[in-house]
N, C-alpha and C. Protein backbone atom coordinates (compact mmCIF):
# COMPACT_ATOMS: atom_id res chain seq x y z
N MET A 1 107.49 47.73 46.82
CA MET A 1 107.20 46.32 47.06
C MET A 1 106.80 46.11 48.51
N THR A 2 105.75 45.33 48.71
CA THR A 2 105.28 45.01 50.06
C THR A 2 105.45 43.52 50.31
N ILE A 3 106.31 43.18 51.27
CA ILE A 3 106.54 41.77 51.60
C ILE A 3 105.32 41.24 52.34
N ARG A 4 104.83 40.08 51.93
CA ARG A 4 103.65 39.48 52.54
C ARG A 4 104.08 38.52 53.65
N PHE A 5 104.04 39.00 54.88
CA PHE A 5 104.35 38.16 56.03
C PHE A 5 103.14 37.28 56.33
N ASP A 6 103.38 36.09 56.88
CA ASP A 6 102.27 35.17 57.17
C ASP A 6 101.52 35.61 58.44
N ASP A 7 100.59 34.80 58.89
CA ASP A 7 99.77 35.17 60.05
C ASP A 7 100.58 35.34 61.33
N ASN A 8 101.78 34.74 61.34
CA ASN A 8 102.66 34.89 62.51
C ASN A 8 103.67 36.02 62.32
N GLY A 9 103.50 36.76 61.24
CA GLY A 9 104.39 37.89 60.99
C GLY A 9 105.75 37.48 60.44
N LEU A 10 105.81 36.29 59.82
CA LEU A 10 107.09 35.77 59.34
C LEU A 10 107.10 35.55 57.83
N VAL A 11 108.29 35.55 57.27
CA VAL A 11 108.48 35.23 55.86
C VAL A 11 109.70 34.31 55.76
N PRO A 12 109.59 33.19 55.02
CA PRO A 12 110.76 32.31 54.87
C PRO A 12 111.86 33.00 54.06
N ALA A 13 113.11 32.79 54.49
CA ALA A 13 114.26 33.40 53.82
C ALA A 13 115.25 32.29 53.45
N ILE A 14 115.39 32.06 52.17
CA ILE A 14 116.35 31.07 51.65
C ILE A 14 117.69 31.77 51.49
N VAL A 15 118.68 31.30 52.25
CA VAL A 15 120.00 31.93 52.21
C VAL A 15 120.88 31.17 51.23
N GLN A 16 121.45 31.91 50.28
CA GLN A 16 122.21 31.31 49.18
C GLN A 16 123.57 31.96 49.06
N ASP A 17 124.60 31.15 48.82
CA ASP A 17 125.94 31.68 48.60
C ASP A 17 125.95 32.48 47.29
N ALA A 18 126.36 33.72 47.37
CA ALA A 18 126.32 34.59 46.20
C ALA A 18 127.26 34.13 45.11
N ARG A 19 128.34 33.43 45.48
CA ARG A 19 129.33 33.03 44.49
C ARG A 19 129.01 31.70 43.85
N THR A 20 128.67 30.71 44.68
CA THR A 20 128.47 29.36 44.16
C THR A 20 127.01 29.03 43.88
N LYS A 21 126.09 29.86 44.40
CA LYS A 21 124.64 29.64 44.30
C LYS A 21 124.17 28.46 45.14
N GLU A 22 125.03 27.96 46.01
CA GLU A 22 124.64 26.86 46.90
C GLU A 22 123.66 27.37 47.95
N VAL A 23 122.60 26.60 48.20
CA VAL A 23 121.64 26.95 49.25
C VAL A 23 122.28 26.59 50.58
N LEU A 24 122.38 27.58 51.47
CA LEU A 24 123.07 27.39 52.74
C LEU A 24 122.11 27.03 53.88
N THR A 25 120.98 27.69 53.92
CA THR A 25 120.03 27.41 55.00
C THR A 25 118.67 28.02 54.67
N LEU A 26 117.68 27.60 55.43
CA LEU A 26 116.34 28.20 55.36
C LEU A 26 116.03 28.73 56.74
N ALA A 27 115.76 30.01 56.83
CA ALA A 27 115.43 30.62 58.12
C ALA A 27 114.18 31.49 57.92
N TYR A 28 113.81 32.20 58.97
CA TYR A 28 112.62 33.06 58.90
C TYR A 28 112.95 34.47 59.35
N MET A 29 112.31 35.43 58.74
CA MET A 29 112.46 36.83 59.12
C MET A 29 111.10 37.41 59.47
N ASN A 30 111.11 38.31 60.45
CA ASN A 30 109.93 39.14 60.65
C ASN A 30 110.29 40.54 60.15
N GLU A 31 109.40 41.47 60.31
CA GLU A 31 109.64 42.81 59.76
C GLU A 31 110.87 43.45 60.38
N GLU A 32 111.05 43.26 61.69
CA GLU A 32 112.18 43.87 62.39
C GLU A 32 113.51 43.27 61.94
N SER A 33 113.58 41.93 61.83
CA SER A 33 114.84 41.31 61.42
C SER A 33 115.17 41.65 59.98
N LEU A 34 114.16 41.79 59.14
CA LEU A 34 114.40 42.19 57.75
C LEU A 34 114.99 43.60 57.70
N GLU A 35 114.46 44.49 58.52
CA GLU A 35 114.98 45.85 58.55
C GLU A 35 116.40 45.89 59.08
N LYS A 36 116.68 45.09 60.11
CA LYS A 36 118.04 45.04 60.66
C LYS A 36 119.01 44.48 59.62
N THR A 37 118.54 43.51 58.85
CA THR A 37 119.37 42.95 57.78
C THR A 37 119.71 44.02 56.75
N LYS A 38 118.72 44.80 56.37
CA LYS A 38 118.94 45.88 55.41
C LYS A 38 119.89 46.93 55.96
N GLN A 39 119.72 47.28 57.23
CA GLN A 39 120.51 48.36 57.83
C GLN A 39 121.96 47.97 58.08
N THR A 40 122.17 46.71 58.53
CA THR A 40 123.52 46.29 58.92
C THR A 40 124.30 45.64 57.78
N GLY A 41 123.59 45.14 56.77
CA GLY A 41 124.27 44.43 55.68
C GLY A 41 124.66 43.02 56.05
N GLU A 42 124.18 42.53 57.19
CA GLU A 42 124.39 41.15 57.61
C GLU A 42 123.05 40.53 57.97
N THR A 43 122.97 39.19 57.91
CA THR A 43 121.68 38.54 58.11
C THR A 43 121.24 38.53 59.58
N TRP A 44 119.98 38.88 59.76
CA TRP A 44 119.27 38.77 61.03
C TRP A 44 118.01 37.94 60.78
N PHE A 45 117.68 37.08 61.71
CA PHE A 45 116.51 36.22 61.54
C PHE A 45 115.64 36.26 62.81
N TYR A 46 114.50 35.60 62.69
CA TYR A 46 113.63 35.45 63.86
C TYR A 46 113.56 33.97 64.20
N SER A 47 113.91 33.61 65.44
CA SER A 47 113.87 32.23 65.89
C SER A 47 112.46 31.88 66.34
N ARG A 48 111.84 30.90 65.68
CA ARG A 48 110.49 30.49 66.06
C ARG A 48 110.49 29.73 67.37
N SER A 49 111.59 29.03 67.67
CA SER A 49 111.64 28.25 68.92
C SER A 49 111.91 29.15 70.13
N ARG A 50 112.82 30.12 69.95
CA ARG A 50 113.16 31.01 71.07
C ARG A 50 112.29 32.27 71.08
N GLN A 51 111.60 32.50 69.95
CA GLN A 51 110.75 33.68 69.80
C GLN A 51 111.52 34.96 70.05
N GLU A 52 112.65 35.07 69.36
CA GLU A 52 113.46 36.28 69.48
C GLU A 52 114.31 36.46 68.22
N LEU A 53 114.80 37.68 68.03
CA LEU A 53 115.69 37.96 66.91
C LEU A 53 117.05 37.36 67.17
N TRP A 54 117.73 36.96 66.10
CA TRP A 54 119.12 36.54 66.24
C TRP A 54 119.95 36.98 65.04
N HIS A 55 121.15 37.41 65.36
CA HIS A 55 122.10 37.88 64.36
C HIS A 55 123.02 36.73 64.00
N LYS A 56 122.95 36.25 62.77
CA LYS A 56 123.77 35.12 62.35
C LYS A 56 125.25 35.45 62.53
N GLY A 57 125.94 34.61 63.32
CA GLY A 57 127.37 34.79 63.53
C GLY A 57 127.73 35.67 64.71
N ALA A 58 126.75 36.16 65.44
CA ALA A 58 127.04 37.04 66.58
C ALA A 58 127.90 36.34 67.62
N THR A 59 127.68 35.04 67.80
CA THR A 59 128.46 34.25 68.76
C THR A 59 129.61 33.51 68.09
N SER A 60 129.33 32.86 66.97
CA SER A 60 130.32 32.02 66.30
C SER A 60 131.30 32.79 65.43
N GLY A 61 130.91 33.99 65.01
CA GLY A 61 131.73 34.74 64.08
C GLY A 61 131.42 34.41 62.62
N ASN A 62 130.52 33.44 62.40
CA ASN A 62 130.18 33.02 61.04
C ASN A 62 129.08 33.90 60.45
N THR A 63 129.41 35.16 60.30
CA THR A 63 128.44 36.12 59.78
C THR A 63 128.21 35.91 58.29
N GLN A 64 127.17 36.55 57.78
CA GLN A 64 126.84 36.47 56.36
C GLN A 64 126.65 37.88 55.82
N ARG A 65 127.53 38.29 54.91
CA ARG A 65 127.42 39.62 54.32
C ARG A 65 126.40 39.59 53.19
N VAL A 66 125.40 40.42 53.28
CA VAL A 66 124.29 40.39 52.34
C VAL A 66 124.65 41.13 51.06
N MET A 67 124.48 40.43 49.94
CA MET A 67 124.73 41.03 48.63
C MET A 67 123.43 41.50 47.98
N SER A 68 122.37 40.73 48.18
CA SER A 68 121.07 41.13 47.64
C SER A 68 119.96 40.35 48.34
N ILE A 69 118.76 40.92 48.29
CA ILE A 69 117.57 40.24 48.79
C ILE A 69 116.52 40.31 47.69
N THR A 70 115.99 39.16 47.30
CA THR A 70 115.02 39.10 46.21
C THR A 70 113.75 38.40 46.69
N ALA A 71 112.60 38.96 46.32
CA ALA A 71 111.32 38.34 46.67
C ALA A 71 110.79 37.56 45.48
N ASP A 72 110.00 36.52 45.77
CA ASP A 72 109.39 35.76 44.68
C ASP A 72 108.19 36.50 44.12
N CYS A 73 107.53 35.88 43.13
CA CYS A 73 106.44 36.56 42.43
C CYS A 73 105.25 36.87 43.34
N ASP A 74 105.07 36.07 44.39
CA ASP A 74 103.98 36.32 45.34
C ASP A 74 104.40 37.21 46.50
N GLN A 75 105.68 37.53 46.54
CA GLN A 75 106.25 38.40 47.57
C GLN A 75 106.07 37.82 48.98
N ASP A 76 106.07 36.48 49.06
CA ASP A 76 105.93 35.86 50.38
C ASP A 76 107.08 34.91 50.71
N THR A 77 108.15 34.97 49.91
CA THR A 77 109.37 34.21 50.16
C THR A 77 110.56 35.03 49.68
N LEU A 78 111.65 35.00 50.45
CA LEU A 78 112.83 35.77 50.10
C LEU A 78 114.02 34.86 49.78
N VAL A 79 114.85 35.29 48.85
CA VAL A 79 116.15 34.69 48.63
C VAL A 79 117.19 35.72 49.04
N VAL A 80 118.01 35.36 50.02
CA VAL A 80 119.03 36.27 50.54
C VAL A 80 120.38 35.78 50.04
N SER A 81 120.98 36.54 49.16
CA SER A 81 122.27 36.18 48.57
C SER A 81 123.38 36.76 49.44
N VAL A 82 124.29 35.89 49.92
CA VAL A 82 125.29 36.32 50.90
C VAL A 82 126.70 35.85 50.54
N ILE A 83 127.67 36.52 51.14
CA ILE A 83 129.05 36.03 51.18
C ILE A 83 129.25 35.52 52.60
N PRO A 84 129.32 34.18 52.79
CA PRO A 84 129.44 33.64 54.15
C PRO A 84 130.85 33.76 54.71
N ASN A 85 130.92 34.09 55.99
CA ASN A 85 132.20 34.13 56.67
C ASN A 85 132.30 32.91 57.58
N GLY A 86 132.28 31.73 56.96
CA GLY A 86 132.31 30.50 57.71
C GLY A 86 131.06 29.66 57.48
N PRO A 87 130.93 28.54 58.18
CA PRO A 87 129.81 27.62 57.99
C PRO A 87 128.46 28.28 58.27
N ALA A 88 127.44 27.83 57.55
CA ALA A 88 126.09 28.34 57.79
C ALA A 88 125.35 27.51 58.82
N CYS A 89 125.69 26.22 58.91
CA CYS A 89 124.96 25.29 59.78
C CYS A 89 125.55 25.26 61.19
N HIS A 90 124.68 25.09 62.17
CA HIS A 90 125.14 25.03 63.57
C HIS A 90 126.00 23.79 63.83
N THR A 91 125.95 22.81 62.93
CA THR A 91 126.77 21.60 63.08
C THR A 91 128.22 21.83 62.65
N GLY A 92 128.47 22.97 62.02
CA GLY A 92 129.80 23.24 61.49
C GLY A 92 129.92 22.96 60.01
N ALA A 93 128.86 22.43 59.42
CA ALA A 93 128.85 22.17 57.98
C ALA A 93 128.64 23.48 57.22
N ARG A 94 129.16 23.52 56.02
CA ARG A 94 129.04 24.73 55.20
C ARG A 94 127.57 25.06 54.93
N SER A 95 126.77 24.03 54.65
CA SER A 95 125.36 24.20 54.36
C SER A 95 124.53 23.30 55.28
N CYS A 96 123.30 23.73 55.56
CA CYS A 96 122.40 22.90 56.36
C CYS A 96 121.84 21.74 55.54
N PHE A 97 121.95 21.83 54.22
CA PHE A 97 121.35 20.83 53.34
C PHE A 97 122.41 19.80 52.94
N ASN A 98 122.50 18.74 53.74
CA ASN A 98 123.51 17.71 53.52
C ASN A 98 122.95 16.30 53.42
N GLU A 99 121.68 16.12 53.70
CA GLU A 99 121.08 14.79 53.71
C GLU A 99 120.35 14.53 52.39
N THR A 100 120.88 13.61 51.59
CA THR A 100 120.27 13.31 50.29
C THR A 100 119.02 12.44 50.48
N VAL A 101 117.91 12.89 49.94
CA VAL A 101 116.66 12.14 49.99
C VAL A 101 116.50 11.32 48.70
N VAL A 102 116.69 11.98 47.56
CA VAL A 102 116.64 11.31 46.26
C VAL A 102 117.73 11.91 45.39
N GLU A 103 118.45 11.06 44.69
CA GLU A 103 119.45 11.53 43.74
C GLU A 103 119.45 10.60 42.54
N ASN A 104 118.72 10.99 41.52
CA ASN A 104 118.60 10.14 40.34
C ASN A 104 119.86 10.18 39.48
N GLU A 105 120.54 11.31 39.52
CA GLU A 105 121.74 11.44 38.70
C GLU A 105 122.64 12.51 39.29
N LYS A 106 123.92 12.23 39.40
CA LYS A 106 124.87 13.19 39.93
C LYS A 106 125.18 14.23 38.86
N VAL A 107 125.04 15.49 39.21
CA VAL A 107 125.30 16.57 38.26
C VAL A 107 126.44 17.43 38.78
N ALA A 108 127.46 17.61 37.97
CA ALA A 108 128.59 18.44 38.37
C ALA A 108 128.16 19.90 38.41
N SER A 109 128.72 20.65 39.34
CA SER A 109 128.37 22.06 39.46
C SER A 109 129.58 22.86 39.90
N VAL A 110 129.42 24.18 39.94
CA VAL A 110 130.51 25.05 40.35
C VAL A 110 130.87 24.84 41.82
N GLU A 111 130.01 24.15 42.56
CA GLU A 111 130.32 23.85 43.96
C GLU A 111 131.59 23.01 44.06
N ALA A 112 131.91 22.28 43.00
CA ALA A 112 133.14 21.46 43.01
C ALA A 112 134.36 22.35 43.19
N ILE A 113 134.33 23.55 42.64
CA ILE A 113 135.43 24.49 42.80
C ILE A 113 135.57 24.89 44.27
N THR A 114 134.43 25.16 44.91
CA THR A 114 134.44 25.54 46.32
C THR A 114 135.01 24.42 47.19
N ARG A 115 134.58 23.19 46.91
CA ARG A 115 135.07 22.05 47.69
C ARG A 115 136.56 21.83 47.46
N LEU A 116 137.00 21.96 46.20
CA LEU A 116 138.41 21.79 45.89
C LEU A 116 139.24 22.85 46.58
N GLU A 117 138.77 24.09 46.57
CA GLU A 117 139.50 25.17 47.22
C GLU A 117 139.66 24.89 48.71
N GLN A 118 138.62 24.36 49.34
CA GLN A 118 138.69 24.06 50.76
C GLN A 118 139.69 22.94 51.05
N VAL A 119 139.70 21.91 50.18
CA VAL A 119 140.66 20.82 50.34
C VAL A 119 142.09 21.35 50.22
N ILE A 120 142.33 22.21 49.24
CA ILE A 120 143.66 22.77 49.03
C ILE A 120 144.08 23.62 50.23
N LYS A 121 143.14 24.41 50.76
CA LYS A 121 143.43 25.22 51.95
C LYS A 121 143.82 24.33 53.13
N THR A 122 143.09 23.23 53.29
CA THR A 122 143.39 22.29 54.38
C THR A 122 144.75 21.66 54.20
N ARG A 123 145.08 21.30 52.97
CA ARG A 123 146.39 20.72 52.68
C ARG A 123 147.51 21.72 53.01
N PHE A 124 147.28 22.97 52.73
CA PHE A 124 148.29 24.00 52.99
C PHE A 124 148.58 24.11 54.48
N VAL A 125 147.52 24.00 55.28
CA VAL A 125 147.67 24.13 56.74
C VAL A 125 148.22 22.85 57.36
N GLU A 126 147.65 21.72 56.98
CA GLU A 126 147.99 20.45 57.64
C GLU A 126 149.20 19.75 57.01
N LYS A 127 149.37 19.94 55.71
CA LYS A 127 150.48 19.31 54.96
C LYS A 127 150.66 17.82 55.31
N PRO A 128 149.65 17.01 55.05
CA PRO A 128 149.76 15.57 55.36
C PRO A 128 150.85 14.90 54.52
N ASP A 129 151.57 13.99 55.13
CA ASP A 129 152.64 13.27 54.43
C ASP A 129 152.07 12.46 53.27
N GLY A 130 152.77 12.48 52.15
CA GLY A 130 152.40 11.67 51.01
C GLY A 130 151.38 12.30 50.08
N ALA A 131 150.81 13.43 50.47
CA ALA A 131 149.81 14.09 49.62
C ALA A 131 150.53 14.89 48.52
N TYR A 132 150.04 14.77 47.29
CA TYR A 132 150.66 15.48 46.16
C TYR A 132 150.61 16.99 46.37
N THR A 133 149.51 17.47 46.93
CA THR A 133 149.37 18.92 47.16
C THR A 133 150.40 19.40 48.18
N THR A 134 150.65 18.58 49.19
CA THR A 134 151.69 18.91 50.17
C THR A 134 153.04 19.04 49.47
N TYR A 135 153.33 18.10 48.58
CA TYR A 135 154.58 18.11 47.82
C TYR A 135 154.73 19.42 47.04
N LEU A 136 153.66 19.85 46.40
CA LEU A 136 153.71 21.08 45.62
C LEU A 136 153.98 22.29 46.51
N PHE A 137 153.30 22.35 47.65
CA PHE A 137 153.50 23.48 48.56
C PHE A 137 154.93 23.49 49.11
N GLU A 138 155.46 22.33 49.39
CA GLU A 138 156.82 22.25 49.92
C GLU A 138 157.86 22.69 48.88
N LYS A 139 157.60 22.38 47.61
CA LYS A 139 158.53 22.75 46.54
C LYS A 139 158.41 24.24 46.18
N GLY A 140 157.22 24.80 46.39
CA GLY A 140 157.08 26.23 46.21
C GLY A 140 156.67 26.70 44.82
N VAL A 141 156.76 28.01 44.64
CA VAL A 141 156.20 28.66 43.46
C VAL A 141 156.84 28.18 42.16
N ASP A 142 158.14 27.89 42.17
CA ASP A 142 158.80 27.47 40.94
C ASP A 142 158.25 26.14 40.43
N LYS A 143 158.09 25.17 41.35
CA LYS A 143 157.57 23.86 40.97
C LYS A 143 156.11 23.97 40.52
N ILE A 144 155.32 24.73 41.28
CA ILE A 144 153.91 24.89 40.93
C ILE A 144 153.79 25.57 39.57
N GLY A 145 154.61 26.58 39.36
CA GLY A 145 154.59 27.29 38.08
C GLY A 145 154.98 26.38 36.92
N LYS A 146 155.96 25.52 37.15
CA LYS A 146 156.38 24.58 36.11
C LYS A 146 155.24 23.64 35.75
N LYS A 147 154.51 23.15 36.77
CA LYS A 147 153.39 22.25 36.53
C LYS A 147 152.27 22.97 35.77
N ILE A 148 152.03 24.22 36.08
CA ILE A 148 151.01 24.98 35.35
C ILE A 148 151.39 25.08 33.88
N GLY A 149 152.66 25.34 33.62
CA GLY A 149 153.12 25.42 32.23
C GLY A 149 152.95 24.10 31.51
N GLU A 150 153.31 22.99 32.19
CA GLU A 150 153.17 21.67 31.59
C GLU A 150 151.71 21.35 31.28
N GLU A 151 150.84 21.64 32.24
CA GLU A 151 149.42 21.32 32.05
C GLU A 151 148.79 22.20 30.96
N ALA A 152 149.21 23.44 30.88
CA ALA A 152 148.70 24.33 29.82
C ALA A 152 149.08 23.79 28.45
N THR A 153 150.31 23.30 28.32
CA THR A 153 150.76 22.71 27.06
C THR A 153 149.94 21.48 26.70
N GLU A 154 149.66 20.64 27.71
CA GLU A 154 148.87 19.43 27.48
C GLU A 154 147.43 19.76 27.09
N VAL A 155 146.92 20.87 27.60
CA VAL A 155 145.58 21.32 27.20
C VAL A 155 145.58 21.64 25.70
N VAL A 156 146.60 22.35 25.25
CA VAL A 156 146.70 22.72 23.83
C VAL A 156 146.83 21.47 22.96
N ILE A 157 147.65 20.53 23.39
CA ILE A 157 147.84 19.29 22.62
C ILE A 157 146.52 18.52 22.51
N ALA A 158 145.79 18.44 23.63
CA ALA A 158 144.51 17.73 23.61
C ALA A 158 143.53 18.41 22.66
N ALA A 159 143.55 19.74 22.64
CA ALA A 159 142.66 20.47 21.74
C ALA A 159 143.02 20.20 20.29
N LYS A 160 144.32 20.19 19.99
CA LYS A 160 144.75 19.94 18.62
C LYS A 160 144.45 18.51 18.19
N ASN A 161 144.37 17.61 19.18
CA ASN A 161 144.02 16.21 18.88
C ASN A 161 142.51 16.01 18.75
N ASN A 162 141.75 17.09 19.02
CA ASN A 162 140.29 17.01 18.98
C ASN A 162 139.75 15.89 19.88
N ASP A 163 140.39 15.74 21.02
CA ASP A 163 140.00 14.69 21.97
C ASP A 163 139.29 15.35 23.15
N ALA A 164 137.96 15.29 23.16
CA ALA A 164 137.17 15.99 24.17
C ALA A 164 137.44 15.46 25.58
N GLU A 165 137.56 14.14 25.72
CA GLU A 165 137.79 13.56 27.04
C GLU A 165 139.16 13.96 27.57
N GLU A 166 140.17 13.87 26.71
CA GLU A 166 141.52 14.25 27.11
C GLU A 166 141.58 15.73 27.46
N LEU A 167 140.91 16.55 26.67
CA LEU A 167 140.89 18.00 26.91
C LEU A 167 140.25 18.31 28.25
N SER A 168 139.16 17.63 28.57
CA SER A 168 138.48 17.85 29.85
C SER A 168 139.40 17.49 31.02
N MET A 169 140.10 16.38 30.90
CA MET A 169 140.99 15.93 31.97
C MET A 169 142.18 16.87 32.13
N GLU A 170 142.75 17.28 31.03
CA GLU A 170 143.90 18.18 31.11
C GLU A 170 143.49 19.56 31.62
N ALA A 171 142.30 20.01 31.23
CA ALA A 171 141.80 21.29 31.74
C ALA A 171 141.59 21.23 33.25
N ALA A 172 141.07 20.09 33.73
CA ALA A 172 140.89 19.90 35.18
C ALA A 172 142.23 19.94 35.89
N ASP A 173 143.25 19.30 35.31
CA ASP A 173 144.60 19.33 35.90
C ASP A 173 145.14 20.76 35.96
N LEU A 174 144.90 21.51 34.88
CA LEU A 174 145.38 22.89 34.82
C LEU A 174 144.71 23.74 35.90
N ILE A 175 143.39 23.60 36.03
CA ILE A 175 142.65 24.39 37.02
C ILE A 175 143.12 24.04 38.44
N TYR A 176 143.32 22.74 38.69
CA TYR A 176 143.80 22.32 40.01
C TYR A 176 145.13 22.98 40.35
N HIS A 177 146.10 22.89 39.44
CA HIS A 177 147.41 23.47 39.71
C HIS A 177 147.34 25.00 39.83
N LEU A 178 146.47 25.61 39.06
CA LEU A 178 146.27 27.06 39.18
C LEU A 178 145.73 27.42 40.56
N MET A 179 144.80 26.60 41.07
CA MET A 179 144.24 26.87 42.39
C MET A 179 145.27 26.65 43.50
N VAL A 180 146.16 25.69 43.29
CA VAL A 180 147.26 25.49 44.25
C VAL A 180 148.15 26.74 44.27
N MET A 181 148.43 27.29 43.09
CA MET A 181 149.25 28.50 43.02
C MET A 181 148.57 29.67 43.72
N LEU A 182 147.27 29.82 43.50
CA LEU A 182 146.53 30.90 44.14
C LEU A 182 146.60 30.78 45.67
N GLU A 183 146.43 29.56 46.18
CA GLU A 183 146.50 29.35 47.63
C GLU A 183 147.91 29.62 48.13
N ASN A 184 148.91 29.18 47.38
CA ASN A 184 150.30 29.39 47.77
C ASN A 184 150.62 30.88 47.88
N GLN A 185 149.98 31.68 47.02
CA GLN A 185 150.21 33.12 47.01
C GLN A 185 149.16 33.88 47.83
N LYS A 186 148.26 33.13 48.48
CA LYS A 186 147.21 33.71 49.32
C LYS A 186 146.29 34.65 48.53
N VAL A 187 145.93 34.21 47.33
CA VAL A 187 144.97 34.94 46.50
C VAL A 187 143.68 34.12 46.45
N PRO A 188 142.59 34.61 47.04
CA PRO A 188 141.33 33.85 47.03
C PRO A 188 140.82 33.65 45.60
N PHE A 189 140.26 32.48 45.35
CA PHE A 189 139.70 32.22 44.02
C PHE A 189 138.56 33.19 43.72
N ALA A 190 137.94 33.71 44.78
CA ALA A 190 136.86 34.70 44.60
C ALA A 190 137.36 35.93 43.85
N ASN A 191 138.64 36.27 44.02
CA ASN A 191 139.19 37.42 43.29
C ASN A 191 139.13 37.18 41.78
N VAL A 192 139.43 35.96 41.39
CA VAL A 192 139.38 35.59 39.97
C VAL A 192 137.95 35.66 39.46
N LEU A 193 137.02 35.14 40.27
CA LEU A 193 135.61 35.17 39.87
C LEU A 193 135.10 36.60 39.71
N GLU A 194 135.53 37.48 40.60
CA GLU A 194 135.09 38.88 40.52
C GLU A 194 135.57 39.53 39.24
N ILE A 195 136.82 39.23 38.84
CA ILE A 195 137.35 39.79 37.59
C ILE A 195 136.60 39.23 36.39
N LEU A 196 136.31 37.93 36.42
CA LEU A 196 135.54 37.33 35.32
C LEU A 196 134.14 37.94 35.24
N GLU A 197 133.52 38.18 36.40
CA GLU A 197 132.19 38.80 36.43
C GLU A 197 132.24 40.20 35.83
N GLN A 198 133.27 40.94 36.17
CA GLN A 198 133.42 42.30 35.62
C GLN A 198 133.56 42.25 34.11
N ARG A 199 134.35 41.31 33.63
CA ARG A 199 134.57 41.20 32.18
C ARG A 199 133.30 40.72 31.47
N ALA A 200 132.55 39.83 32.13
CA ALA A 200 131.32 39.31 31.49
C ALA A 200 130.27 40.39 31.35
N SER A 201 130.31 41.39 32.23
CA SER A 201 129.28 42.44 32.20
C SER A 201 129.60 43.54 31.18
N LYS A 202 130.79 43.48 30.58
CA LYS A 202 131.16 44.51 29.60
C LYS A 202 130.64 44.16 28.21
């Protein structure tokens, strides 16, 4: 495969979270930065404003571990799938794409899991007074485990009642409490996703 760089020797690189598929940023690579990315397993780009190579996270520590690089059908645009080690945007935001231009309809996505996990992590560290998640962390594994059992039972009851709305709500409650347990035990949700991916490929 021959990557088609433009007249300035650049190719746009769309950086995407390998787990959530969220688009994190759009940057540019030249031949040298693409090679460095391949060799190091972390993203390197070419800055058009500074006219120099830059290693994402070299200063901030917010590196991006490269899982795959895919070219489009014309071989003039790349999608770089990464595991981010922190925010992608220089503003501190997870993604550079935060400004809504048009939104005709809100669509739920797996990104909700990522956002929920971050909220739970913040609750674990800050433990704000009056927050239900704080209460669960303070009570510990026994209380969290009891809630998981209760919610699992309610999921079964909703299913037996053939109530789709109730089942959806109870399933959401179950997933939330499960994620609280994972954070309490310091098990990243990514570990669960990796096991599911392994099972799906069999």
